[in-house]
N, C-alpha and C. Protein backbone atom coordinates (compact mmCIF):
# COMPACT_ATOMS: atom_id res chain seq x y z
N UNK A 1 62.27 -16.77 -147.09
CA UNK A 1 62.16 -15.35 -146.92
C UNK A 1 61.58 -14.71 -148.20
N UNK A 2 62.02 -15.19 -149.35
CA UNK A 2 61.47 -14.67 -150.60
C UNK A 2 60.00 -15.07 -150.73
N UNK A 3 59.69 -16.27 -150.30
CA UNK A 3 58.31 -16.72 -150.37
C UNK A 3 57.41 -15.85 -149.50
N UNK A 4 57.89 -15.46 -148.33
CA UNK A 4 57.12 -14.58 -147.46
C UNK A 4 56.87 -13.22 -148.12
N UNK A 5 57.89 -12.70 -148.79
CA UNK A 5 57.75 -11.42 -149.48
C UNK A 5 56.73 -11.50 -150.60
N UNK A 6 56.82 -12.58 -151.38
CA UNK A 6 55.86 -12.76 -152.47
C UNK A 6 54.44 -12.93 -151.95
N UNK A 7 54.29 -13.67 -150.88
CA UNK A 7 52.97 -13.86 -150.29
C UNK A 7 52.40 -12.54 -149.79
N UNK A 8 53.23 -11.71 -149.19
CA UNK A 8 52.77 -10.40 -148.71
C UNK A 8 52.33 -9.52 -149.87
N UNK A 9 53.06 -9.56 -150.97
CA UNK A 9 52.69 -8.77 -152.15
C UNK A 9 51.37 -9.26 -152.73
N UNK A 10 51.24 -10.57 -152.85
CA UNK A 10 50.01 -11.14 -153.42
C UNK A 10 48.81 -10.81 -152.54
N UNK A 11 48.98 -10.90 -151.22
CA UNK A 11 47.87 -10.59 -150.32
C UNK A 11 47.50 -9.10 -150.40
N UNK A 12 48.48 -8.24 -150.53
CA UNK A 12 48.16 -6.81 -150.63
C UNK A 12 47.47 -6.51 -151.96
N UNK A 13 47.82 -7.22 -153.01
CA UNK A 13 47.13 -7.04 -154.29
C UNK A 13 45.69 -7.53 -154.18
N UNK A 14 45.48 -8.63 -153.48
CA UNK A 14 44.12 -9.13 -153.32
C UNK A 14 43.26 -8.18 -152.50
N UNK A 15 43.86 -7.47 -151.55
CA UNK A 15 43.09 -6.54 -150.73
C UNK A 15 42.71 -5.27 -151.51
N UNK A 16 43.62 -4.77 -152.35
CA UNK A 16 43.39 -3.55 -153.12
C UNK A 16 43.75 -3.76 -154.59
N UNK A 17 42.97 -4.53 -155.32
CA UNK A 17 43.35 -4.82 -156.70
C UNK A 17 43.32 -3.60 -157.62
N UNK A 18 42.50 -2.61 -157.31
CA UNK A 18 42.43 -1.42 -158.16
C UNK A 18 43.73 -0.63 -158.15
N UNK A 19 44.46 -0.71 -157.05
CA UNK A 19 45.72 0.01 -156.95
C UNK A 19 46.80 -0.58 -157.85
N UNK A 20 46.65 -1.83 -158.24
CA UNK A 20 47.69 -2.50 -158.98
C UNK A 20 47.34 -2.75 -160.45
N UNK A 21 46.19 -2.30 -160.88
CA UNK A 21 45.83 -2.46 -162.29
C UNK A 21 46.67 -1.56 -163.15
N UNK A 22 47.01 -2.05 -164.29
CA UNK A 22 47.82 -1.27 -165.22
C UNK A 22 47.00 -0.10 -165.74
N UNK A 23 47.50 1.10 -165.55
CA UNK A 23 46.82 2.28 -166.05
C UNK A 23 45.63 2.71 -165.22
N UNK A 24 45.44 2.13 -164.04
CA UNK A 24 44.29 2.49 -163.22
C UNK A 24 44.42 3.92 -162.69
N UNK A 25 45.61 4.32 -162.39
CA UNK A 25 45.84 5.66 -161.85
C UNK A 25 46.82 6.37 -162.77
N UNK A 26 46.35 7.39 -163.44
CA UNK A 26 47.22 8.19 -164.29
C UNK A 26 47.51 9.49 -163.57
N UNK A 27 48.59 9.49 -162.84
CA UNK A 27 48.97 10.71 -162.13
C UNK A 27 49.88 11.52 -163.03
N UNK A 28 49.53 12.74 -163.23
CA UNK A 28 50.35 13.65 -164.00
C UNK A 28 51.37 14.29 -163.05
N UNK A 29 52.62 14.36 -163.46
CA UNK A 29 53.59 15.02 -162.59
C UNK A 29 53.26 16.50 -162.46
N UNK A 30 53.44 16.99 -161.28
CA UNK A 30 53.16 18.41 -161.07
C UNK A 30 54.25 19.24 -161.71
N UNK A 31 53.84 20.29 -162.36
CA UNK A 31 54.79 21.18 -163.00
C UNK A 31 55.23 22.26 -162.01
N UNK A 32 56.51 22.50 -161.95
CA UNK A 32 57.05 23.53 -161.09
C UNK A 32 57.41 24.70 -161.98
N UNK A 33 56.88 25.88 -161.64
CA UNK A 33 57.20 27.02 -162.49
C UNK A 33 58.65 27.44 -162.28
N UNK A 34 59.12 28.28 -163.18
CA UNK A 34 60.55 28.61 -163.22
C UNK A 34 61.01 29.32 -161.95
N UNK A 35 60.19 30.20 -161.41
CA UNK A 35 60.60 30.93 -160.21
C UNK A 35 60.69 30.00 -159.01
N UNK A 36 59.73 29.09 -158.88
CA UNK A 36 59.79 28.13 -157.78
C UNK A 36 61.02 27.24 -157.90
N UNK A 37 61.32 26.80 -159.11
CA UNK A 37 62.49 25.97 -159.33
C UNK A 37 63.77 26.75 -158.99
N UNK A 38 63.83 28.00 -159.41
CA UNK A 38 64.97 28.86 -159.11
C UNK A 38 65.16 28.97 -157.59
N UNK A 39 64.07 29.22 -156.87
CA UNK A 39 64.14 29.37 -155.41
C UNK A 39 64.53 28.08 -154.71
N UNK A 40 64.06 26.95 -155.23
CA UNK A 40 64.41 25.67 -154.62
C UNK A 40 65.91 25.40 -154.78
N UNK A 41 66.43 25.67 -155.97
CA UNK A 41 67.87 25.47 -156.20
C UNK A 41 68.69 26.44 -155.35
N UNK A 42 68.25 27.68 -155.25
CA UNK A 42 68.97 28.65 -154.42
C UNK A 42 68.96 28.22 -152.95
N UNK A 43 67.83 27.75 -152.46
CA UNK A 43 67.76 27.28 -151.07
C UNK A 43 68.61 26.03 -150.87
N UNK A 44 68.64 25.16 -151.87
CA UNK A 44 69.47 23.97 -151.80
C UNK A 44 70.95 24.36 -151.69
N UNK A 45 71.34 25.36 -152.45
CA UNK A 45 72.72 25.84 -152.37
C UNK A 45 73.00 26.50 -151.04
N UNK A 46 72.00 27.15 -150.45
CA UNK A 46 72.18 27.77 -149.13
C UNK A 46 72.45 26.72 -148.05
N UNK A 47 71.94 25.53 -148.25
CA UNK A 47 72.20 24.44 -147.30
C UNK A 47 73.66 24.01 -147.36
N UNK A 48 74.30 24.20 -148.51
CA UNK A 48 75.69 23.78 -148.68
C UNK A 48 76.68 24.92 -148.47
N UNK A 49 76.27 26.12 -148.80
CA UNK A 49 77.13 27.30 -148.66
C UNK A 49 76.34 28.36 -147.89
N UNK A 50 77.01 29.03 -146.98
CA UNK A 50 76.29 30.00 -146.15
C UNK A 50 75.99 31.30 -146.87
N UNK A 51 76.87 31.73 -147.75
CA UNK A 51 76.68 33.02 -148.41
C UNK A 51 76.22 32.82 -149.85
N UNK A 52 74.91 32.79 -150.03
CA UNK A 52 74.32 32.63 -151.35
C UNK A 52 73.33 33.77 -151.57
N UNK A 53 73.49 34.48 -152.67
CA UNK A 53 72.59 35.58 -153.02
C UNK A 53 71.92 35.21 -154.34
N UNK A 54 70.60 35.17 -154.32
CA UNK A 54 69.86 34.84 -155.54
C UNK A 54 69.10 36.08 -156.02
N UNK A 55 69.07 36.24 -157.33
CA UNK A 55 68.38 37.37 -157.94
C UNK A 55 67.60 36.84 -159.13
N UNK A 56 66.29 36.67 -158.93
CA UNK A 56 65.48 36.08 -159.99
C UNK A 56 65.31 37.03 -161.17
N UNK A 57 65.32 38.35 -160.91
CA UNK A 57 65.18 39.31 -162.00
C UNK A 57 66.34 39.21 -162.99
N UNK A 58 67.55 39.00 -162.47
CA UNK A 58 68.73 38.85 -163.34
C UNK A 58 69.01 37.39 -163.66
N UNK A 59 68.25 36.48 -163.04
CA UNK A 59 68.41 35.04 -163.23
C UNK A 59 69.82 34.57 -162.87
N UNK A 60 70.33 35.04 -161.74
CA UNK A 60 71.66 34.63 -161.29
C UNK A 60 71.63 34.22 -159.83
N UNK A 61 72.52 33.31 -159.51
CA UNK A 61 72.76 32.90 -158.13
C UNK A 61 74.25 33.08 -157.89
N UNK A 62 74.60 33.85 -156.87
CA UNK A 62 76.00 34.11 -156.56
C UNK A 62 76.35 33.42 -155.25
N UNK A 63 77.44 32.65 -155.29
CA UNK A 63 77.90 31.92 -154.13
C UNK A 63 79.27 32.46 -153.74
N UNK A 64 79.42 32.80 -152.45
CA UNK A 64 80.71 33.25 -151.92
C UNK A 64 81.23 32.15 -151.00
N UNK A 65 82.29 31.50 -151.41
CA UNK A 65 82.86 30.41 -150.63
C UNK A 65 84.31 30.75 -150.29
N UNK A 66 84.55 31.10 -149.05
CA UNK A 66 85.89 31.48 -148.57
C UNK A 66 86.52 32.57 -149.42
N UNK A 67 85.74 33.56 -149.78
CA UNK A 67 86.26 34.68 -150.55
C UNK A 67 86.27 34.46 -152.06
N UNK A 68 85.93 33.27 -152.51
CA UNK A 68 85.88 32.98 -153.93
C UNK A 68 84.43 33.11 -154.40
N UNK A 69 84.21 33.97 -155.37
CA UNK A 69 82.86 34.18 -155.89
C UNK A 69 82.59 33.29 -157.09
N UNK A 70 81.41 32.75 -157.11
CA UNK A 70 80.96 31.96 -158.25
C UNK A 70 79.55 32.45 -158.61
N UNK A 71 79.33 32.68 -159.89
CA UNK A 71 78.03 33.16 -160.36
C UNK A 71 77.43 32.11 -161.29
N UNK A 72 76.20 31.73 -160.99
CA UNK A 72 75.49 30.75 -161.80
C UNK A 72 74.47 31.49 -162.65
N UNK A 73 74.57 31.34 -163.95
CA UNK A 73 73.58 31.90 -164.87
C UNK A 73 72.46 30.88 -164.99
N UNK A 74 71.26 31.27 -164.61
CA UNK A 74 70.15 30.34 -164.53
C UNK A 74 69.72 29.80 -165.89
N UNK A 75 69.74 30.63 -166.92
CA UNK A 75 69.29 30.17 -168.24
C UNK A 75 70.23 29.13 -168.83
N UNK A 76 71.50 29.40 -168.78
CA UNK A 76 72.46 28.49 -169.41
C UNK A 76 73.02 27.46 -168.44
N UNK A 77 72.77 27.65 -167.16
CA UNK A 77 73.32 26.81 -166.09
C UNK A 77 74.85 26.83 -166.11
N UNK A 78 75.42 27.88 -166.70
CA UNK A 78 76.87 28.01 -166.71
C UNK A 78 77.33 28.67 -165.41
N UNK A 79 78.54 28.33 -165.02
CA UNK A 79 79.08 28.82 -163.76
C UNK A 79 80.38 29.56 -164.05
N UNK A 80 80.42 30.81 -163.61
CA UNK A 80 81.60 31.65 -163.77
C UNK A 80 82.34 31.68 -162.44
N UNK A 81 83.49 31.00 -162.42
CA UNK A 81 84.27 30.91 -161.17
C UNK A 81 85.74 30.69 -161.52
N UNK A 82 86.62 31.21 -160.68
CA UNK A 82 88.05 31.05 -160.91
C UNK A 82 88.57 29.70 -160.42
N UNK A 83 87.91 29.12 -159.45
CA UNK A 83 88.34 27.86 -158.85
C UNK A 83 87.62 26.68 -159.52
N UNK A 84 88.37 25.80 -160.14
CA UNK A 84 87.79 24.65 -160.84
C UNK A 84 87.07 23.68 -159.89
N UNK A 85 87.62 23.35 -158.70
CA UNK A 85 86.90 22.44 -157.80
C UNK A 85 85.54 23.00 -157.36
N UNK A 86 85.48 24.30 -157.11
CA UNK A 86 84.21 24.92 -156.73
C UNK A 86 83.23 24.88 -157.89
N UNK A 87 83.72 25.12 -159.09
CA UNK A 87 82.87 25.06 -160.27
C UNK A 87 82.27 23.67 -160.44
N UNK A 88 83.09 22.64 -160.30
CA UNK A 88 82.60 21.26 -160.44
C UNK A 88 81.60 20.90 -159.34
N UNK A 89 81.87 21.36 -158.13
CA UNK A 89 80.94 21.09 -157.02
C UNK A 89 79.60 21.77 -157.25
N UNK A 90 79.63 23.02 -157.72
CA UNK A 90 78.38 23.73 -157.99
C UNK A 90 77.61 23.10 -159.15
N UNK A 91 78.33 22.67 -160.18
CA UNK A 91 77.66 22.00 -161.30
C UNK A 91 76.92 20.76 -160.82
N UNK A 92 77.56 19.99 -159.97
CA UNK A 92 76.94 18.77 -159.46
C UNK A 92 75.74 19.09 -158.57
N UNK A 93 75.86 20.10 -157.72
CA UNK A 93 74.75 20.46 -156.84
C UNK A 93 73.56 21.00 -157.63
N UNK A 94 73.81 21.82 -158.63
CA UNK A 94 72.71 22.33 -159.46
C UNK A 94 72.06 21.19 -160.23
N UNK A 95 72.86 20.26 -160.72
CA UNK A 95 72.31 19.11 -161.45
C UNK A 95 71.44 18.25 -160.52
N UNK A 96 71.93 17.99 -159.31
CA UNK A 96 71.16 17.19 -158.36
C UNK A 96 69.84 17.86 -158.00
N UNK A 97 69.88 19.17 -157.77
CA UNK A 97 68.66 19.89 -157.38
C UNK A 97 67.65 19.91 -158.52
N UNK A 98 68.10 20.20 -159.73
CA UNK A 98 67.15 20.26 -160.85
C UNK A 98 66.60 18.88 -161.19
N UNK A 99 67.42 17.84 -161.04
CA UNK A 99 66.90 16.48 -161.28
C UNK A 99 65.90 16.07 -160.21
N UNK A 100 66.08 16.54 -158.99
CA UNK A 100 65.12 16.23 -157.94
C UNK A 100 63.79 16.93 -158.17
N UNK A 101 63.86 18.14 -158.72
CA UNK A 101 62.63 18.89 -158.99
C UNK A 101 61.91 18.33 -160.21
N UNK A 102 62.66 18.01 -161.25
CA UNK A 102 62.10 17.51 -162.50
C UNK A 102 62.65 16.13 -162.79
N UNK A 103 62.10 15.10 -162.15
CA UNK A 103 62.62 13.76 -162.41
C UNK A 103 62.33 13.34 -163.85
N UNK A 104 63.07 12.39 -164.31
CA UNK A 104 62.89 11.88 -165.67
C UNK A 104 61.54 11.17 -165.73
N UNK A 105 60.74 11.53 -166.70
CA UNK A 105 59.44 10.89 -166.84
C UNK A 105 59.59 9.62 -167.66
N UNK A 106 58.75 8.67 -167.38
CA UNK A 106 58.77 7.41 -168.12
C UNK A 106 58.12 7.61 -169.48
N UNK A 107 58.57 6.86 -170.47
CA UNK A 107 57.95 6.99 -171.79
C UNK A 107 56.52 6.47 -171.74
N UNK A 108 55.66 6.92 -172.65
CA UNK A 108 54.28 6.45 -172.64
C UNK A 108 54.21 4.96 -172.95
N UNK A 109 53.19 4.33 -172.41
CA UNK A 109 53.01 2.89 -172.65
C UNK A 109 52.64 2.66 -174.10
N UNK A 110 53.20 1.61 -174.66
CA UNK A 110 52.93 1.26 -176.05
C UNK A 110 52.00 0.07 -176.06
N UNK A 111 50.96 0.17 -176.86
CA UNK A 111 50.02 -0.92 -177.00
C UNK A 111 50.64 -1.94 -177.96
N UNK A 112 50.95 -3.16 -177.49
CA UNK A 112 51.61 -4.13 -178.36
C UNK A 112 50.74 -4.58 -179.53
N UNK A 113 49.42 -4.46 -179.39
CA UNK A 113 48.54 -4.87 -180.49
C UNK A 113 48.61 -3.90 -181.66
N UNK A 114 48.95 -2.64 -181.39
CA UNK A 114 48.99 -1.64 -182.43
C UNK A 114 50.37 -1.48 -183.08
N UNK A 115 51.37 -2.09 -182.49
CA UNK A 115 52.70 -1.98 -183.06
C UNK A 115 52.90 -3.07 -184.09
N UNK A 116 53.56 -2.74 -185.18
CA UNK A 116 53.81 -3.70 -186.25
C UNK A 116 55.27 -4.07 -186.23
N UNK A 117 55.52 -5.33 -186.42
CA UNK A 117 56.90 -5.79 -186.53
C UNK A 117 57.34 -5.63 -187.96
N UNK A 118 58.54 -5.16 -188.16
CA UNK A 118 59.04 -4.91 -189.51
C UNK A 118 59.73 -6.13 -190.10
N UNK A 119 59.86 -7.19 -189.36
CA UNK A 119 60.54 -8.37 -189.91
C UNK A 119 59.65 -9.58 -189.84
């Protein structure tokens, strides 16, 4: 089964070798502006909570969950809420949404010929 997988990979590389060359395609990640990111996170929270009010001018997102209000400050990503479980849930949801929008980028490739060993 592993041999079949390896053979399929090798055959696909032989069909499209340009796709597999190192550095052949340098795709730059698309930048999401702050307002778009704010709206995506607000919509993501709307999927989890029905009563979400977002205000980009004040940079706040307010969530009403069973009568408990929670306010998210967009700049600091701090959450003002009386209920600790709701605060933790909102922190996790905001973290997941922002990580989905701005994934961690890989470090630049290092040319081994130009690096010097110190020992």
